């Protein structure tokens, strides 16, 4: 529980980075 938060600093952004950014890049954001 001491080390996991520091790994989360990279894991969570890797999970979320595409959620809206990819929609915008692919042009599907307006459709959504």
ModelCIF file with pLDDT and N, C-alpha, C, O atoms, coordinates in Angstrom:
data_MODEL
#
_entry.id   MODEL 
#
_entity.id                         1 
_entity.type                       polymer 
_entity.pdbx_number_of_molecules   1 
#
_entity_poly.entity_id                      1 
_entity_poly.type                           'polypeptide(L)' 
_entity_poly.nstd_linkage                   no 
_entity_poly.nstd_monomer                   no 
_entity_poly.pdbx_seq_one_letter_code       
;(UNK)(UNK)(UNK)(UNK)(UNK)(UNK)(UNK)(UNK)(UNK)(UNK)(UNK)(UNK)(UNK)(UNK)(UNK)(UNK)
(UNK)(UNK)(UNK)(UNK)(UNK)(UNK)(UNK)(UNK)(UNK)(UNK)(UNK)(UNK)(UNK)(UNK)(UNK)(UNK)
;
_entity_poly.pdbx_seq_one_letter_code_can   XXXXXXXXXXXXXXXXXXXXXXXXXXXXXXXX 
_entity_poly.pdbx_strand_id                 A 
#
loop_
_entity_poly_seq.entity_id 
_entity_poly_seq.num 
_entity_poly_seq.mon_id 
_entity_poly_seq.hetero 
1 1  UNK n 
1 2  UNK n 
1 3  UNK n 
1 4  UNK n 
1 5  UNK n 
1 6  UNK n 
1 7  UNK n 
1 8  UNK n 
1 9  UNK n 
1 10 UNK n 
1 11 UNK n 
1 12 UNK n 
1 13 UNK n 
1 14 UNK n 
1 15 UNK n 
1 16 UNK n 
1 17 UNK n 
1 18 UNK n 
1 19 UNK n 
1 20 UNK n 
1 21 UNK n 
1 22 UNK n 
1 23 UNK n 
1 24 UNK n 
1 25 UNK n 
1 26 UNK n 
1 27 UNK n 
1 28 UNK n 
1 29 UNK n 
1 30 UNK n 
1 31 UNK n 
1 32 UNK n 
#
_struct_asym.id          A 
_struct_asym.entity_id   1 
#
loop_
_ma_qa_metric.id 
_ma_qa_metric.mode 
_ma_qa_metric.name 
_ma_qa_metric.software_group_id 
_ma_qa_metric.type 
1 global pLDDT . pLDDT 
2 local  pLDDT . pLDDT 
#
_ma_qa_metric_global.metric_id      1 
_ma_qa_metric_global.metric_value   86.47 
_ma_qa_metric_global.model_id       1 
_ma_qa_metric_global.ordinal_id     1 
#
loop_
_ma_qa_metric_local.label_asym_id 
_ma_qa_metric_local.label_comp_id 
_ma_qa_metric_local.label_seq_id 
_ma_qa_metric_local.metric_id 
_ma_qa_metric_local.metric_value 
_ma_qa_metric_local.model_id 
_ma_qa_metric_local.ordinal_id 
A UNK 1  2 90.00 1 1  
A UNK 2  2 89.00 1 2  
A UNK 3  2 91.00 1 3  
A UNK 4  2 92.00 1 4  
A UNK 5  2 92.00 1 5  
A UNK 6  2 93.00 1 6  
A UNK 7  2 93.00 1 7  
A UNK 8  2 94.00 1 8  
A UNK 9  2 93.00 1 9  
A UNK 10 2 93.00 1 10 
A UNK 11 2 93.00 1 11 
A UNK 12 2 94.00 1 12 
A UNK 13 2 94.00 1 13 
A UNK 14 2 92.00 1 14 
A UNK 15 2 92.00 1 15 
A UNK 16 2 93.00 1 16 
A UNK 17 2 92.00 1 17 
A UNK 18 2 89.00 1 18 
A UNK 19 2 89.00 1 19 
A UNK 20 2 90.00 1 20 
A UNK 21 2 88.00 1 21 
A UNK 22 2 83.00 1 22 
A UNK 23 2 82.00 1 23 
A UNK 24 2 82.00 1 24 
A UNK 25 2 81.00 1 25 
A UNK 26 2 76.00 1 26 
A UNK 27 2 75.00 1 27 
A UNK 28 2 74.00 1 28 
A UNK 29 2 74.00 1 29 
A UNK 30 2 69.00 1 30 
A UNK 31 2 72.00 1 31 
A UNK 32 2 73.00 1 32 
#
loop_
_atom_site.group_PDB 
_atom_site.id 
_atom_site.type_symbol 
_atom_site.label_atom_id 
_atom_site.label_alt_id 
_atom_site.label_comp_id 
_atom_site.label_asym_id 
_atom_site.label_entity_id 
_atom_site.label_seq_id 
_atom_site.pdbx_PDB_ins_code 
_atom_site.Cartn_x 
_atom_site.Cartn_y 
_atom_site.Cartn_z 
_atom_site.occupancy 
_atom_site.B_iso_or_equiv 
_atom_site.pdbx_formal_charge 
_atom_site.auth_seq_id 
_atom_site.auth_comp_id 
_atom_site.auth_asym_id 
_atom_site.auth_atom_id 
_atom_site.pdbx_PDB_model_num 
ATOM 1   N N  . UNK A 1 1  ? 0.816   -1.217 0.000   1.00 90.00 ? 1  UNK A N  1 
ATOM 2   C CA . UNK A 1 1  ? 0.000   0.000  0.000   1.00 90.00 ? 1  UNK A CA 1 
ATOM 3   C C  . UNK A 1 1  ? 0.850   1.268  0.000   1.00 90.00 ? 1  UNK A C  1 
ATOM 4   O O  . UNK A 1 1  ? 0.335   2.362  -0.231  1.00 90.00 ? 1  UNK A O  1 
ATOM 5   N N  . UNK A 1 2  ? 2.139   1.126  0.256   1.00 89.00 ? 2  UNK A N  1 
ATOM 6   C CA . UNK A 1 2  ? 3.044   2.257  0.142   1.00 89.00 ? 2  UNK A CA 1 
ATOM 7   C C  . UNK A 1 2  ? 3.503   2.469  -1.298  1.00 89.00 ? 2  UNK A C  1 
ATOM 8   O O  . UNK A 1 2  ? 3.618   3.603  -1.762  1.00 89.00 ? 2  UNK A O  1 
ATOM 9   N N  . UNK A 1 3  ? 3.762   1.374  -1.996  1.00 91.00 ? 3  UNK A N  1 
ATOM 10  C CA . UNK A 1 3  ? 4.321   1.471  -3.341  1.00 91.00 ? 3  UNK A CA 1 
ATOM 11  C C  . UNK A 1 3  ? 3.245   1.633  -4.414  1.00 91.00 ? 3  UNK A C  1 
ATOM 12  O O  . UNK A 1 3  ? 3.500   2.256  -5.445  1.00 91.00 ? 3  UNK A O  1 
ATOM 13  N N  . UNK A 1 4  ? 2.056   1.089  -4.194  1.00 92.00 ? 4  UNK A N  1 
ATOM 14  C CA . UNK A 1 4  ? 1.008   1.116  -5.215  1.00 92.00 ? 4  UNK A CA 1 
ATOM 15  C C  . UNK A 1 4  ? 0.591   2.516  -5.661  1.00 92.00 ? 4  UNK A C  1 
ATOM 16  O O  . UNK A 1 4  ? 0.396   2.729  -6.858  1.00 92.00 ? 4  UNK A O  1 
ATOM 17  N N  . UNK A 1 5  ? 0.446   3.491  -4.739  1.00 92.00 ? 5  UNK A N  1 
ATOM 18  C CA . UNK A 1 5  ? 0.083   4.834  -5.203  1.00 92.00 ? 5  UNK A CA 1 
ATOM 19  C C  . UNK A 1 5  ? 1.057   5.413  -6.223  1.00 92.00 ? 5  UNK A C  1 
ATOM 20  O O  . UNK A 1 5  ? 0.650   6.126  -7.140  1.00 92.00 ? 5  UNK A O  1 
ATOM 21  N N  . UNK A 1 6  ? 2.352   5.106  -6.061  1.00 93.00 ? 6  UNK A N  1 
ATOM 22  C CA . UNK A 1 6  ? 3.346   5.631  -6.995  1.00 93.00 ? 6  UNK A CA 1 
ATOM 23  C C  . UNK A 1 6  ? 3.242   4.935  -8.354  1.00 93.00 ? 6  UNK A C  1 
ATOM 24  O O  . UNK A 1 6  ? 3.480   5.558  -9.388  1.00 93.00 ? 6  UNK A O  1 
ATOM 25  N N  . UNK A 1 7  ? 2.888   3.657  -8.355  1.00 93.00 ? 7  UNK A N  1 
ATOM 26  C CA . UNK A 1 7  ? 2.655   2.957  -9.617  1.00 93.00 ? 7  UNK A CA 1 
ATOM 27  C C  . UNK A 1 7  ? 1.362   3.451  -10.262 1.00 93.00 ? 7  UNK A C  1 
ATOM 28  O O  . UNK A 1 7  ? 1.254   3.500  -11.487 1.00 93.00 ? 7  UNK A O  1 
ATOM 29  N N  . UNK A 1 8  ? 0.387   3.815  -9.437  1.00 94.00 ? 8  UNK A N  1 
ATOM 30  C CA . UNK A 1 8  ? -0.877  4.372  -9.937  1.00 94.00 ? 8  UNK A CA 1 
ATOM 31  C C  . UNK A 1 8  ? -0.654  5.692  -10.669 1.00 94.00 ? 8  UNK A C  1 
ATOM 32  O O  . UNK A 1 8  ? -1.411  6.041  -11.575 1.00 94.00 ? 8  UNK A O  1 
ATOM 33  N N  . UNK A 1 9  ? 0.390   6.426  -10.271 1.00 93.00 ? 9  UNK A N  1 
ATOM 34  C CA . UNK A 1 9  ? 0.687   7.701  -10.923 1.00 93.00 ? 9  UNK A CA 1 
ATOM 35  C C  . UNK A 1 9  ? 0.917   7.519  -12.420 1.00 93.00 ? 9  UNK A C  1 
ATOM 36  O O  . UNK A 1 9  ? 0.754   8.461  -13.196 1.00 93.00 ? 9  UNK A O  1 
ATOM 37  N N  . UNK A 1 10 ? 1.296   6.305  -12.823 1.00 93.00 ? 10 UNK A N  1 
ATOM 38  C CA . UNK A 1 10 ? 1.524   6.013  -14.239 1.00 93.00 ? 10 UNK A CA 1 
ATOM 39  C C  . UNK A 1 10 ? 0.445   5.102  -14.816 1.00 93.00 ? 10 UNK A C  1 
ATOM 40  O O  . UNK A 1 10 ? 0.062   5.250  -15.976 1.00 93.00 ? 10 UNK A O  1 
ATOM 41  N N  . UNK A 1 11 ? -0.047  4.157  -14.009 1.00 93.00 ? 11 UNK A N  1 
ATOM 42  C CA . UNK A 1 11 ? -1.074  3.229  -14.490 1.00 93.00 ? 11 UNK A CA 1 
ATOM 43  C C  . UNK A 1 11 ? -2.370  3.951  -14.849 1.00 93.00 ? 11 UNK A C  1 
ATOM 44  O O  . UNK A 1 11 ? -2.902  3.749  -15.940 1.00 93.00 ? 11 UNK A O  1 
ATOM 45  N N  . UNK A 1 12 ? -2.883  4.784  -13.954 1.00 94.00 ? 12 UNK A N  1 
ATOM 46  C CA . UNK A 1 12 ? -4.172  5.438  -14.181 1.00 94.00 ? 12 UNK A CA 1 
ATOM 47  C C  . UNK A 1 12 ? -4.123  6.377  -15.382 1.00 94.00 ? 12 UNK A C  1 
ATOM 48  O O  . UNK A 1 12 ? -5.024  6.320  -16.219 1.00 94.00 ? 12 UNK A O  1 
ATOM 49  N N  . UNK A 1 13 ? -3.106  7.245  -15.507 1.00 94.00 ? 13 UNK A N  1 
ATOM 50  C CA . UNK A 1 13 ? -3.037  8.077  -16.713 1.00 94.00 ? 13 UNK A CA 1 
ATOM 51  C C  . UNK A 1 13 ? -2.955  7.260  -17.999 1.00 94.00 ? 13 UNK A C  1 
ATOM 52  O O  . UNK A 1 13 ? -3.471  7.678  -19.035 1.00 94.00 ? 13 UNK A O  1 
ATOM 53  N N  . UNK A 1 14 ? -2.304  6.092  -17.933 1.00 92.00 ? 14 UNK A N  1 
ATOM 54  C CA . UNK A 1 14 ? -2.229  5.225  -19.115 1.00 92.00 ? 14 UNK A CA 1 
ATOM 55  C C  . UNK A 1 14 ? -3.602  4.672  -19.477 1.00 92.00 ? 14 UNK A C  1 
ATOM 56  O O  . UNK A 1 14 ? -3.898  4.446  -20.650 1.00 92.00 ? 14 UNK A O  1 
ATOM 57  N N  . UNK A 1 15 ? -4.432  4.459  -18.473 1.00 92.00 ? 15 UNK A N  1 
ATOM 58  C CA . UNK A 1 15 ? -5.787  3.951  -18.694 1.00 92.00 ? 15 UNK A CA 1 
ATOM 59  C C  . UNK A 1 15 ? -6.699  5.044  -19.266 1.00 92.00 ? 15 UNK A C  1 
ATOM 60  O O  . UNK A 1 15 ? -7.510  4.789  -20.158 1.00 92.00 ? 15 UNK A O  1 
ATOM 61  N N  . UNK A 1 16 ? -6.553  6.250  -18.741 1.00 93.00 ? 16 UNK A N  1 
ATOM 62  C CA . UNK A 1 16 ? -7.506  7.318  -19.076 1.00 93.00 ? 16 UNK A CA 1 
ATOM 63  C C  . UNK A 1 16 ? -7.087  8.203  -20.243 1.00 93.00 ? 16 UNK A C  1 
ATOM 64  O O  . UNK A 1 16 ? -7.915  8.943  -20.774 1.00 93.00 ? 16 UNK A O  1 
ATOM 65  N N  . UNK A 1 17 ? -5.833  8.149  -20.654 1.00 92.00 ? 17 UNK A N  1 
ATOM 66  C CA . UNK A 1 17 ? -5.331  9.140  -21.614 1.00 92.00 ? 17 UNK A CA 1 
ATOM 67  C C  . UNK A 1 17 ? -6.072  9.147  -22.950 1.00 92.00 ? 17 UNK A C  1 
ATOM 68  O O  . UNK A 1 17 ? -6.110  10.173 -23.628 1.00 92.00 ? 17 UNK A O  1 
ATOM 69  N N  . UNK A 1 18 ? -6.654  8.024  -23.330 1.00 89.00 ? 18 UNK A N  1 
ATOM 70  C CA . UNK A 1 18 ? -7.307  7.946  -24.633 1.00 89.00 ? 18 UNK A CA 1 
ATOM 71  C C  . UNK A 1 18 ? -8.811  8.215  -24.577 1.00 89.00 ? 18 UNK A C  1 
ATOM 72  O O  . UNK A 1 18 ? -9.444  8.341  -25.625 1.00 89.00 ? 18 UNK A O  1 
ATOM 73  N N  . UNK A 1 19 ? -9.386  8.303  -23.406 1.00 89.00 ? 19 UNK A N  1 
ATOM 74  C CA . UNK A 1 19 ? -10.850 8.297  -23.277 1.00 89.00 ? 19 UNK A CA 1 
ATOM 75  C C  . UNK A 1 19 ? -11.541 9.419  -24.040 1.00 89.00 ? 19 UNK A C  1 
ATOM 76  O O  . UNK A 1 19 ? -12.535 9.182  -24.726 1.00 89.00 ? 19 UNK A O  1 
ATOM 77  N N  . UNK A 1 20 ? -11.026 10.627 -23.927 1.00 90.00 ? 20 UNK A N  1 
ATOM 78  C CA . UNK A 1 20 ? -11.567 11.734 -24.711 1.00 90.00 ? 20 UNK A CA 1 
ATOM 79  C C  . UNK A 1 20 ? -10.613 12.146 -25.829 1.00 90.00 ? 20 UNK A C  1 
ATOM 80  O O  . UNK A 1 20 ? -11.046 12.527 -26.916 1.00 90.00 ? 20 UNK A O  1 
ATOM 81  N N  . UNK A 1 21 ? -9.308  12.067 -25.551 1.00 88.00 ? 21 UNK A N  1 
ATOM 82  C CA . UNK A 1 21 ? -8.322  12.502 -26.532 1.00 88.00 ? 21 UNK A CA 1 
ATOM 83  C C  . UNK A 1 21 ? -8.431  11.707 -27.832 1.00 88.00 ? 21 UNK A C  1 
ATOM 84  O O  . UNK A 1 21 ? -8.339  12.275 -28.920 1.00 88.00 ? 21 UNK A O  1 
ATOM 85  N N  . UNK A 1 22 ? -8.627  10.405 -27.718 1.00 83.00 ? 22 UNK A N  1 
ATOM 86  C CA . UNK A 1 22 ? -8.737  9.567  -28.905 1.00 83.00 ? 22 UNK A CA 1 
ATOM 87  C C  . UNK A 1 22 ? -10.023 9.878  -29.676 1.00 83.00 ? 22 UNK A C  1 
ATOM 88  O O  . UNK A 1 22 ? -10.036 9.850  -30.906 1.00 83.00 ? 22 UNK A O  1 
ATOM 89  N N  . UNK A 1 23 ? -11.091 10.170 -28.955 1.00 82.00 ? 23 UNK A N  1 
ATOM 90  C CA . UNK A 1 23 ? -12.360 10.540 -29.598 1.00 82.00 ? 23 UNK A CA 1 
ATOM 91  C C  . UNK A 1 23 ? -12.165 11.809 -30.433 1.00 82.00 ? 23 UNK A C  1 
ATOM 92  O O  . UNK A 1 23 ? -12.671 11.917 -31.550 1.00 82.00 ? 23 UNK A O  1 
ATOM 93  N N  . UNK A 1 24 ? -11.424 12.761 -29.869 1.00 82.00 ? 24 UNK A N  1 
ATOM 94  C CA . UNK A 1 24 ? -11.171 14.009 -30.581 1.00 82.00 ? 24 UNK A CA 1 
ATOM 95  C C  . UNK A 1 24 ? -10.269 13.779 -31.787 1.00 82.00 ? 24 UNK A C  1 
ATOM 96  O O  . UNK A 1 24 ? -10.522 14.304 -32.871 1.00 82.00 ? 24 UNK A O  1 
ATOM 97  N N  . UNK A 1 25 ? -9.226  12.998 -31.592 1.00 81.00 ? 25 UNK A N  1 
ATOM 98  C CA . UNK A 1 25 ? -8.279  12.759 -32.679 1.00 81.00 ? 25 UNK A CA 1 
ATOM 99  C C  . UNK A 1 25 ? -8.929  12.020 -33.838 1.00 81.00 ? 25 UNK A C  1 
ATOM 100 O O  . UNK A 1 25 ? -8.669  12.320 -35.004 1.00 81.00 ? 25 UNK A O  1 
ATOM 101 N N  . UNK A 1 26 ? -9.783  11.047 -33.506 1.00 76.00 ? 26 UNK A N  1 
ATOM 102 C CA . UNK A 1 26 ? -10.426 10.239 -34.543 1.00 76.00 ? 26 UNK A CA 1 
ATOM 103 C C  . UNK A 1 26 ? -11.633 10.929 -35.164 1.00 76.00 ? 26 UNK A C  1 
ATOM 104 O O  . UNK A 1 26 ? -12.185 10.445 -36.153 1.00 76.00 ? 26 UNK A O  1 
ATOM 105 N N  . UNK A 1 27 ? -12.049 12.065 -34.586 1.00 75.00 ? 27 UNK A N  1 
ATOM 106 C CA . UNK A 1 27 ? -13.188 12.798 -35.123 1.00 75.00 ? 27 UNK A CA 1 
ATOM 107 C C  . UNK A 1 27 ? -14.528 12.225 -34.734 1.00 75.00 ? 27 UNK A C  1 
ATOM 108 O O  . UNK A 1 27 ? -15.548 12.567 -35.333 1.00 75.00 ? 27 UNK A O  1 
ATOM 109 N N  . UNK A 1 28 ? -14.543 11.345 -33.724 1.00 74.00 ? 28 UNK A N  1 
ATOM 110 C CA . UNK A 1 28 ? -15.805 10.725 -33.281 1.00 74.00 ? 28 UNK A CA 1 
ATOM 111 C C  . UNK A 1 28 ? -16.417 11.448 -32.081 1.00 74.00 ? 28 UNK A C  1 
ATOM 112 O O  . UNK A 1 28 ? -17.485 11.072 -31.598 1.00 74.00 ? 28 UNK A O  1 
ATOM 113 N N  . UNK A 1 29 ? -15.725 12.495 -31.605 1.00 74.00 ? 29 UNK A N  1 
ATOM 114 C CA . UNK A 1 29 ? -16.207 13.215 -30.431 1.00 74.00 ? 29 UNK A CA 1 
ATOM 115 C C  . UNK A 1 29 ? -17.545 13.891 -30.707 1.00 74.00 ? 29 UNK A C  1 
ATOM 116 O O  . UNK A 1 29 ? -18.479 13.776 -29.915 1.00 74.00 ? 29 UNK A O  1 
ATOM 117 N N  . UNK A 1 30 ? -17.635 14.592 -31.824 1.00 69.00 ? 30 UNK A N  1 
ATOM 118 C CA . UNK A 1 30 ? -18.884 15.280 -32.159 1.00 69.00 ? 30 UNK A CA 1 
ATOM 119 C C  . UNK A 1 30 ? -20.025 14.283 -32.360 1.00 69.00 ? 30 UNK A C  1 
ATOM 120 O O  . UNK A 1 30 ? -21.168 14.540 -31.983 1.00 69.00 ? 30 UNK A O  1 
ATOM 121 N N  . UNK A 1 31 ? -19.690 13.139 -32.964 1.00 72.00 ? 31 UNK A N  1 
ATOM 122 C CA . UNK A 1 31 ? -20.699 12.103 -33.165 1.00 72.00 ? 31 UNK A CA 1 
ATOM 123 C C  . UNK A 1 31 ? -21.214 11.593 -31.826 1.00 72.00 ? 31 UNK A C  1 
ATOM 124 O O  . UNK A 1 31 ? -22.413 11.377 -31.653 1.00 72.00 ? 31 UNK A O  1 
ATOM 125 N N  . UNK A 1 32 ? -20.293 11.403 -30.873 1.00 73.00 ? 32 UNK A N  1 
ATOM 126 C CA . UNK A 1 32 ? -20.669 10.925 -29.545 1.00 73.00 ? 32 UNK A CA 1 
ATOM 127 C C  . UNK A 1 32 ? -21.561 11.942 -28.833 1.00 73.00 ? 32 UNK A C  1 
ATOM 128 O O  . UNK A 1 32 ? -21.978 11.710 -27.699 1.00 73.00 ? 32 UNK A O  1 
#
